Structures are given as structure tokens and as C-alpha cells.
Amino acid sequence: MQGEASTGIARGRPRDAGKREAILACAYELVLRHGYVRVTTAEIARAAGAGKQTIYRWWPTKAELVLDALEHWAERSIDLPAKGAPLRDFLTRVCDGATRAGRVLRSLMAEAQFDDELRALVKRRLIEPRRDGLRESLRAMGIGPAEDREALMRAIYGSLWYRLLLDEPLDEPFIDAMARLAKCVARQCATGQSATTQSATGQGAAAQASSGG
């Protein structure tokens, strides 16, 4: 009896794992096809052959489920960059993933403008980890001080999201432009002058010249 009980437990785990995989795969595909707002938890359950209670036992909200589904897809479909990866390598992999999941990401971000909980989840689980990865790649290039690194991170990541939201290509020319920008900042940092200080000095000089001072 004891052996049968342990065998039953062992057999139960793969079934649970298989059901979870099916739910995550269906959630991703449905949101990719129809958008976040139009997909319901009940539809995901039906597509995966699962009960709604099973889904609610594992995911308290649709937002948590869809973000898990996105991460699950990324882990299996994208060669994720290592921490501190060269900038071009980091951007190539992130841009590839963002392009392939573009409809899901645009759908999530659009709804996040009206849903505080979803916006917080997207920022914590999707945006901040990739910001951190970009920071590490910039740090590995020797870009500092911290305010320069942060400004450059926001410029690159903001440009990426701008193009993604407008469905513009995150292609080699874009990656080349971002890599050149980072190299320019790295050269400025190597001379010992902060890029943000240099920019402020240049703006001040331009303003003085335009005023005739």
C-alpha cells in the first residue's frame, strides 16, 4: 500500500506539470491572437482542457497567468542574454524576443495604462529585470558614473519600447544605432568627463550664444 501511494504521488506530478504547461501555452497563444483584454480566464481554461478552479489555484489573477505565460514562452523560445552580456548581444536577443512577442507586449502595455495592478506587475516582472540586464551590459562597457549609465539605459530602453509600441522594426540598423550611442558615451566616460555634465555644459553654451551673451 505504501508503495502504491508513493507511486500515485510520483505519477500525479507529471500530470500537474503537463496541465500547467498546457495552460501557459494556451494563454500565450490566445493573447497573441486576440489581445489581453479580449481573452478571459474561462477561455484559457477551455482551450487547455482545464477547470477554472485549477487556474485560480495556481494563478490568482489573469495578469499573473499571462505574465507567467510570456515568461514560459521566452524561456523556451529565446536564447536569453547572460548577466553582463556584451551590449550588442543583449540588444540582439531582447529585440528578437520583443519582435516575436510584439502583439502580446503591446496588448499588455495598452491595458496597463488603465489597470494599476497590471502596470505594477508588468514593471516588476517584465521591465525591471531587462533594465537591470541593460545596466549590467553598460557597466561592462565601462560606462559611468551611475547617472550616465542610468540616462543611457533609459534612452536605449525607451527607444526600444517606442519602436515596439508603434510596430516599427527592432532590426540591425536600430541595434547598430544604439551600440554607436553607447560607444560614444563610453568614449566620453573614458576621457573623465560625465556625458550628462558635458550635455548640460553644451546646452548652457548654446543658450548663452543664442541670447547674444
C-alpha atoms as a PDB file:
ATOM      1  CA  MET A   1       0.000   0.000   0.000  1.00  0.00           C
ATOM      2  CA  GLN A   2       2.792   2.354   0.893  1.00  0.00           C
ATOM      3  CA  GLY A   3       4.478   1.662  -2.439  1.00  0.00           C
ATOM      4  CA  GLU A   4       1.234   2.270  -4.321  1.00  0.00           C
ATOM      5  CA  ALA A   5       0.698   5.577  -2.526  1.00  0.00           C
ATOM      6  CA  SER A   6       4.178   6.836  -3.391  1.00  0.00           C
ATOM      7  CA  THR A   7       3.729   5.698  -6.987  1.00  0.00           C
ATOM      8  CA  GLY A   8       0.467   7.630  -7.170  1.00  0.00           C
ATOM      9  CA  ILE A   9       2.191  10.780  -5.982  1.00  0.00           C
ATOM     10  CA  ALA A  10       5.000  10.327  -8.486  1.00  0.00           C
ATOM     11  CA  ARG A  11       2.505   9.905 -11.308  1.00  0.00           C
ATOM     12  CA  GLY A  12       0.487  12.928 -10.179  1.00  0.00           C
ATOM     13  CA  ARG A  13       3.335  15.407 -10.576  1.00  0.00           C
ATOM     14  CA  PRO A  14       3.894  14.966 -14.303  1.00  0.00           C
ATOM     15  CA  ARG A  15       0.148  15.314 -14.882  1.00  0.00           C
ATOM     16  CA  ASP A  16       0.131  18.589 -12.936  1.00  0.00           C
ATOM     17  CA  ALA A  17       3.231  19.785 -14.795  1.00  0.00           C
ATOM     18  CA  GLY A  18       1.688  18.842 -18.131  1.00  0.00           C
ATOM     19  CA  LYS A  19      -1.549  20.641 -17.294  1.00  0.00           C
ATOM     20  CA  ARG A  20       0.362  23.752 -16.225  1.00  0.00           C
ATOM     21  CA  GLU A  21       2.353  23.710 -19.478  1.00  0.00           C
ATOM     22  CA  ALA A  22      -0.876  23.420 -21.469  1.00  0.00           C
ATOM     23  CA  ILE A  23      -2.496  26.336 -19.625  1.00  0.00           C
ATOM     24  CA  LEU A  24       0.543  28.580 -20.118  1.00  0.00           C
ATOM     25  CA  ALA A  25       0.837  27.693 -23.806  1.00  0.00           C
ATOM     26  CA  CYS A  26      -2.875  28.339 -24.410  1.00  0.00           C
ATOM     27  CA  ALA A  27      -2.783  31.619 -22.510  1.00  0.00           C
ATOM     28  CA  TYR A  28       0.105  32.889 -24.624  1.00  0.00           C
ATOM     29  CA  GLU A  29      -1.436  31.807 -27.927  1.00  0.00           C
ATOM     30  CA  LEU A  30      -4.846  33.267 -27.123  1.00  0.00           C
ATOM     31  CA  VAL A  31      -3.442  36.636 -26.054  1.00  0.00           C
ATOM     32  CA  LEU A  32      -1.170  36.662 -29.116  1.00  0.00           C
ATOM     33  CA  ARG A  33      -4.202  36.041 -31.327  1.00  0.00           C
ATOM     34  CA  HIS A  34      -6.870  38.182 -29.647  1.00  0.00           C
ATOM     35  CA  GLY A  35      -5.171  40.597 -27.244  1.00  0.00           C
ATOM     36  CA  TYR A  36      -5.100  40.703 -23.457  1.00  0.00           C
ATOM     37  CA  VAL A  37      -8.472  42.396 -22.930  1.00  0.00           C
ATOM     38  CA  ARG A  38     -10.475  40.054 -25.162  1.00  0.00           C
ATOM     39  CA  VAL A  39      -9.198  36.833 -23.588  1.00  0.00           C
ATOM     40  CA  THR A  40     -10.877  35.526 -20.428  1.00  0.00           C
ATOM     41  CA  THR A  41      -9.669  33.024 -17.874  1.00  0.00           C
ATOM     42  CA  ALA A  42     -12.613  30.798 -18.805  1.00  0.00           C
ATOM     43  CA  GLU A  43     -11.491  30.742 -22.451  1.00  0.00           C
ATOM     44  CA  ILE A  44      -7.953  29.812 -21.431  1.00  0.00           C
ATOM     45  CA  ALA A  45      -9.322  27.011 -19.242  1.00  0.00           C
ATOM     46  CA  ARG A  46     -11.453  25.640 -22.093  1.00  0.00           C
ATOM     47  CA  ALA A  47      -8.594  25.754 -24.586  1.00  0.00           C
ATOM     48  CA  ALA A  48      -6.277  23.939 -22.168  1.00  0.00           C
ATOM     49  CA  GLY A  49      -8.887  21.386 -21.116  1.00  0.00           C
ATOM     50  CA  ALA A  50      -8.643  22.561 -17.513  1.00  0.00           C
ATOM     51  CA  GLY A  51     -11.137  23.717 -14.915  1.00  0.00           C
ATOM     52  CA  LYS A  52     -11.308  27.361 -13.885  1.00  0.00           C
ATOM     53  CA  GLN A  53     -10.662  26.335 -10.296  1.00  0.00           C
ATOM     54  CA  THR A  54      -7.381  24.725 -11.379  1.00  0.00           C
ATOM     55  CA  ILE A  55      -6.280  28.001 -12.903  1.00  0.00           C
ATOM     56  CA  TYR A  56      -7.337  30.060  -9.886  1.00  0.00           C
ATOM     57  CA  ARG A  57      -5.484  27.653  -7.613  1.00  0.00           C
ATOM     58  CA  TRP A  58      -2.233  28.383  -9.424  1.00  0.00           C
ATOM     59  CA  TRP A  59      -2.794  31.976 -10.582  1.00  0.00           C
ATOM     60  CA  PRO A  60      -4.908  34.396  -8.510  1.00  0.00           C
ATOM     61  CA  THR A  61      -5.350  36.825 -11.427  1.00  0.00           C
ATOM     62  CA  LYS A  62      -5.354  36.782 -15.217  1.00  0.00           C
ATOM     63  CA  ALA A  63      -2.440  39.231 -15.182  1.00  0.00           C
ATOM     64  CA  GLU A  64      -0.248  36.798 -13.210  1.00  0.00           C
ATOM     65  CA  LEU A  65      -1.204  33.973 -15.568  1.00  0.00           C
ATOM     66  CA  VAL A  66      -0.435  35.925 -18.741  1.00  0.00           C
ATOM     67  CA  LEU A  67       2.904  37.187 -17.432  1.00  0.00           C
ATOM     68  CA  ASP A  68       3.835  33.632 -16.436  1.00  0.00           C
ATOM     69  CA  ALA A  69       2.796  32.511 -19.923  1.00  0.00           C
ATOM     70  CA  LEU A  70       5.007  35.176 -21.501  1.00  0.00           C
ATOM     71  CA  GLU A  71       7.985  34.171 -19.353  1.00  0.00           C
ATOM     72  CA  HIS A  72       7.321  30.481 -20.070  1.00  0.00           C
ATOM     73  CA  TRP A  73       7.321  31.214 -23.819  1.00  0.00           C
ATOM     74  CA  ALA A  74      10.515  33.288 -23.563  1.00  0.00           C
ATOM     75  CA  GLU A  75      12.380  30.583 -21.631  1.00  0.00           C
ATOM     76  CA  ARG A  76      11.642  28.070 -24.382  1.00  0.00           C
ATOM     77  CA  SER A  77      11.838  30.272 -27.450  1.00  0.00           C
ATOM     78  CA  ILE A  78      14.562  32.853 -26.810  1.00  0.00           C
ATOM     79  CA  ASP A  79      18.239  32.429 -26.018  1.00  0.00           C
ATOM     80  CA  LEU A  80      18.154  34.868 -23.110  1.00  0.00           C
ATOM     81  CA  PRO A  81      21.297  37.009 -22.618  1.00  0.00           C
ATOM     82  CA  ALA A  82      23.513  36.323 -19.626  1.00  0.00           C
ATOM     83  CA  LYS A  83      24.063  38.975 -16.980  1.00  0.00           C
ATOM     84  CA  GLY A  84      26.678  41.458 -18.170  1.00  0.00           C
ATOM     85  CA  ALA A  85      26.495  40.199 -21.774  1.00  0.00           C
ATOM     86  CA  PRO A  86      28.073  42.412 -24.462  1.00  0.00           C
ATOM     87  CA  LEU A  87      25.638  45.176 -25.354  1.00  0.00           C
ATOM     88  CA  ARG A  88      25.124  44.078 -28.973  1.00  0.00           C
ATOM     89  CA  ASP A  89      24.422  40.524 -27.851  1.00  0.00           C
ATOM     90  CA  PHE A  90      21.977  41.765 -25.210  1.00  0.00           C
ATOM     91  CA  LEU A  91      20.122  44.025 -27.654  1.00  0.00           C
ATOM     92  CA  THR A  92      20.002  41.404 -30.412  1.00  0.00           C
ATOM     93  CA  ARG A  93      18.350  38.842 -28.152  1.00  0.00           C
ATOM     94  CA  VAL A  94      15.982  41.262 -26.444  1.00  0.00           C
ATOM     95  CA  CYS A  95      14.922  42.823 -29.757  1.00  0.00           C
ATOM     96  CA  ASP A  96      14.343  39.381 -31.270  1.00  0.00           C
ATOM     97  CA  GLY A  97      12.135  38.347 -28.345  1.00  0.00           C
ATOM     98  CA  ALA A  98      10.252  41.657 -28.303  1.00  0.00           C
ATOM     99  CA  THR A  99       9.597  41.432 -32.037  1.00  0.00           C
ATOM    100  CA  ARG A 100       8.255  37.891 -31.855  1.00  0.00           C
ATOM    101  CA  ALA A 101       6.064  38.658 -28.830  1.00  0.00           C
ATOM    102  CA  GLY A 102       5.199  42.150 -30.041  1.00  0.00           C
ATOM    103  CA  ARG A 103       1.417  41.723 -30.155  1.00  0.00           C
ATOM    104  CA  VAL A 104       1.334  40.301 -26.619  1.00  0.00           C
ATOM    105  CA  LEU A 105       3.582  43.063 -25.270  1.00  0.00           C
ATOM    106  CA  ARG A 106       1.623  45.857 -26.961  1.00  0.00           C
ATOM    107  CA  SER A 107      -1.630  44.378 -25.675  1.00  0.00           C
ATOM    108  CA  LEU A 108      -0.312  44.160 -22.108  1.00  0.00           C
ATOM    109  CA  MET A 109       1.128  47.668 -22.148  1.00  0.00           C
ATOM    110  CA  ALA A 110      -2.053  49.178 -23.577  1.00  0.00           C
ATOM    111  CA  GLU A 111      -4.218  47.648 -20.853  1.00  0.00           C
ATOM    112  CA  ALA A 112      -1.635  48.520 -18.181  1.00  0.00           C
ATOM    113  CA  GLN A 113      -2.438  52.199 -18.742  1.00  0.00           C
ATOM    114  CA  PHE A 114      -5.869  51.598 -17.185  1.00  0.00           C
ATOM    115  CA  ASP A 115      -5.053  48.805 -14.713  1.00  0.00           C
ATOM    116  CA  ASP A 116      -2.799  49.774 -11.803  1.00  0.00           C
ATOM    117  CA  GLU A 117      -2.236  46.182 -10.719  1.00  0.00           C
ATOM    118  CA  LEU A 118      -1.264  45.042 -14.200  1.00  0.00           C
ATOM    119  CA  ARG A 119       1.029  48.048 -14.658  1.00  0.00           C
ATOM    120  CA  ALA A 120       2.849  47.262 -11.418  1.00  0.00           C
ATOM    121  CA  LEU A 121       3.231  43.602 -12.422  1.00  0.00           C
ATOM    122  CA  VAL A 122       4.490  44.464 -15.901  1.00  0.00           C
ATOM    123  CA  LYS A 123       7.031  46.871 -14.449  1.00  0.00           C
ATOM    124  CA  ARG A 124       8.236  44.467 -11.751  1.00  0.00           C
ATOM    125  CA  ARG A 125       8.311  41.248 -13.720  1.00  0.00           C
ATOM    126  CA  LEU A 126       8.909  42.339 -17.304  1.00  0.00           C
ATOM    127  CA  ILE A 127      10.537  45.754 -17.436  1.00  0.00           C
ATOM    128  CA  GLU A 128      12.815  45.980 -14.387  1.00  0.00           C
ATOM    129  CA  PRO A 129      14.683  42.673 -14.974  1.00  0.00           C
ATOM    130  CA  ARG A 130      15.541  43.798 -18.516  1.00  0.00           C
ATOM    131  CA  ARG A 131      16.508  47.253 -17.341  1.00  0.00           C
ATOM    132  CA  ASP A 132      18.851  45.588 -14.870  1.00  0.00           C
ATOM    133  CA  GLY A 133      20.314  43.442 -17.642  1.00  0.00           C
ATOM    134  CA  LEU A 134      20.910  46.531 -19.782  1.00  0.00           C
ATOM    135  CA  ARG A 135      22.525  48.341 -16.846  1.00  0.00           C
ATOM    136  CA  GLU A 136      24.942  45.442 -16.389  1.00  0.00           C
ATOM    137  CA  SER A 137      25.854  45.416 -20.082  1.00  0.00           C
ATOM    138  CA  LEU A 138      26.551  49.169 -19.945  1.00  0.00           C
ATOM    139  CA  ARG A 139      28.562  48.744 -16.759  1.00  0.00           C
ATOM    140  CA  ALA A 140      30.659  46.067 -18.502  1.00  0.00           C
ATOM    141  CA  MET A 141      31.470  48.673 -21.199  1.00  0.00           C
ATOM    142  CA  GLY A 142      32.938  50.915 -18.501  1.00  0.00           C
ATOM    143  CA  ILE A 143      30.143  53.467 -18.701  1.00  0.00           C
ATOM    144  CA  GLY A 144      29.949  55.512 -15.539  1.00  0.00           C
ATOM    145  CA  PRO A 145      29.267  57.366 -13.312  1.00  0.00           C
ATOM    146  CA  ALA A 146      25.933  55.886 -12.371  1.00  0.00           C
ATOM    147  CA  GLU A 147      23.887  58.866 -13.624  1.00  0.00           C
ATOM    148  CA  ASP A 148      25.348  58.491 -17.127  1.00  0.00           C
ATOM    149  CA  ARG A 149      24.652  54.767 -17.115  1.00  0.00           C
ATOM    150  CA  GLU A 150      21.074  55.354 -15.948  1.00  0.00           C
ATOM    151  CA  ALA A 151      20.426  58.065 -18.539  1.00  0.00           C
ATOM    152  CA  LEU A 152      21.765  55.862 -21.324  1.00  0.00           C
ATOM    153  CA  MET A 153      19.779  52.863 -20.106  1.00  0.00           C
ATOM    154  CA  ARG A 154      16.577  54.911 -20.243  1.00  0.00           C
ATOM    155  CA  ALA A 155      17.427  56.297 -23.687  1.00  0.00           C
ATOM    156  CA  ILE A 156      18.057  52.847 -25.175  1.00  0.00           C
ATOM    157  CA  TYR A 157      15.210  51.056 -23.430  1.00  0.00           C
ATOM    158  CA  GLY A 158      12.824  53.916 -24.101  1.00  0.00           C
ATOM    159  CA  SER A 159      13.734  53.850 -27.807  1.00  0.00           C
ATOM    160  CA  LEU A 160      13.140  50.108 -27.882  1.00  0.00           C
ATOM    161  CA  TRP A 161       9.664  50.415 -26.370  1.00  0.00           C
ATOM    162  CA  TYR A 162       8.814  53.417 -28.574  1.00  0.00           C
ATOM    163  CA  ARG A 163       9.516  51.396 -31.714  1.00  0.00           C
ATOM    164  CA  LEU A 164       7.806  48.307 -30.319  1.00  0.00           C
ATOM    165  CA  LEU A 165       4.597  50.159 -29.455  1.00  0.00           C
ATOM    166  CA  LEU A 166       4.472  51.720 -32.936  1.00  0.00           C
ATOM    167  CA  ASP A 167       5.234  48.330 -34.532  1.00  0.00           C
ATOM    168  CA  GLU A 168       8.438  49.689 -36.048  1.00  0.00           C
ATOM    169  CA  PRO A 169      11.314  47.259 -36.670  1.00  0.00           C
ATOM    170  CA  LEU A 170      13.746  46.402 -33.901  1.00  0.00           C
ATOM    171  CA  ASP A 171      16.269  45.453 -36.553  1.00  0.00           C
ATOM    172  CA  GLU A 172      20.019  45.605 -37.196  1.00  0.00           C
ATOM    173  CA  PRO A 173      20.030  49.337 -38.046  1.00  0.00           C
ATOM    174  CA  PHE A 174      18.307  50.074 -34.727  1.00  0.00           C
ATOM    175  CA  ILE A 175      20.752  47.859 -32.820  1.00  0.00           C
ATOM    176  CA  ASP A 176      23.682  49.484 -34.656  1.00  0.00           C
ATOM    177  CA  ALA A 177      22.426  52.956 -33.715  1.00  0.00           C
ATOM    178  CA  MET A 178      22.051  52.039 -30.044  1.00  0.00           C
ATOM    179  CA  ALA A 179      25.506  50.411 -29.987  1.00  0.00           C
ATOM    180  CA  ARG A 180      27.073  53.528 -31.549  1.00  0.00           C
ATOM    181  CA  LEU A 181      25.336  55.728 -28.980  1.00  0.00           C
ATOM    182  CA  ALA A 182      26.709  53.598 -26.151  1.00  0.00           C
ATOM    183  CA  LYS A 183      30.218  53.693 -27.619  1.00  0.00           C
ATOM    184  CA  CYS A 184      30.069  57.491 -27.824  1.00  0.00           C
ATOM    185  CA  VAL A 185      29.094  57.714 -24.174  1.00  0.00           C
ATOM    186  CA  ALA A 186      31.799  55.180 -23.251  1.00  0.00           C
ATOM    187  CA  ARG A 187      34.432  57.328 -25.013  1.00  0.00           C
ATOM    188  CA  GLN A 188      33.249  60.407 -23.145  1.00  0.00           C
ATOM    189  CA  CYS A 189      33.434  58.489 -19.868  1.00  0.00           C
ATOM    190  CA  ALA A 190      36.960  57.333 -20.741  1.00  0.00           C
ATOM    191  CA  THR A 191      38.093  60.985 -21.009  1.00  0.00           C
ATOM    192  CA  GLY A 192      36.923  61.518 -17.445  1.00  0.00           C
ATOM    193  CA  GLN A 193      34.022  63.853 -18.263  1.00  0.00           C
ATOM    194  CA  SER A 194      30.469  62.865 -17.425  1.00  0.00           C
ATOM    195  CA  ALA A 195      28.264  62.676 -20.508  1.00  0.00           C
ATOM    196  CA  THR A 196      25.393  64.302 -18.614  1.00  0.00           C
ATOM    197  CA  THR A 197      27.686  67.116 -17.414  1.00  0.00           C
ATOM    198  CA  GLN A 198      29.030  67.606 -20.923  1.00  0.00           C
ATOM    199  CA  SER A 199      25.496  67.762 -22.297  1.00  0.00           C
ATOM    200  CA  ALA A 200      24.461  70.327 -19.686  1.00  0.00           C
ATOM    201  CA  THR A 201      27.587  72.415 -20.426  1.00  0.00           C
ATOM    202  CA  GLY A 202      26.862  72.303 -24.148  1.00  0.00           C
ATOM    203  CA  GLN A 203      23.247  73.323 -23.621  1.00  0.00           C
ATOM    204  CA  GLY A 204      24.336  76.203 -21.410  1.00  0.00           C
ATOM    205  CA  ALA A 205      26.815  77.450 -24.017  1.00  0.00           C
ATOM    206  CA  ALA A 206      24.212  77.168 -26.763  1.00  0.00           C
ATOM    207  CA  ALA A 207      21.698  79.133 -24.710  1.00  0.00           C
ATOM    208  CA  GLN A 208      24.248  81.844 -23.997  1.00  0.00           C
ATOM    209  CA  ALA A 209      25.145  82.123 -27.667  1.00  0.00           C
ATOM    210  CA  SER A 210      21.535  82.324 -28.769  1.00  0.00           C
ATOM    211  CA  SER A 211      20.860  85.116 -26.290  1.00  0.00           C
ATOM    212  CA  GLY A 212      23.790  87.117 -27.593  1.00  0.00           C
ATOM    213  CA  GLY A 213      25.656  86.802 -24.298  1.00  0.00           C
END
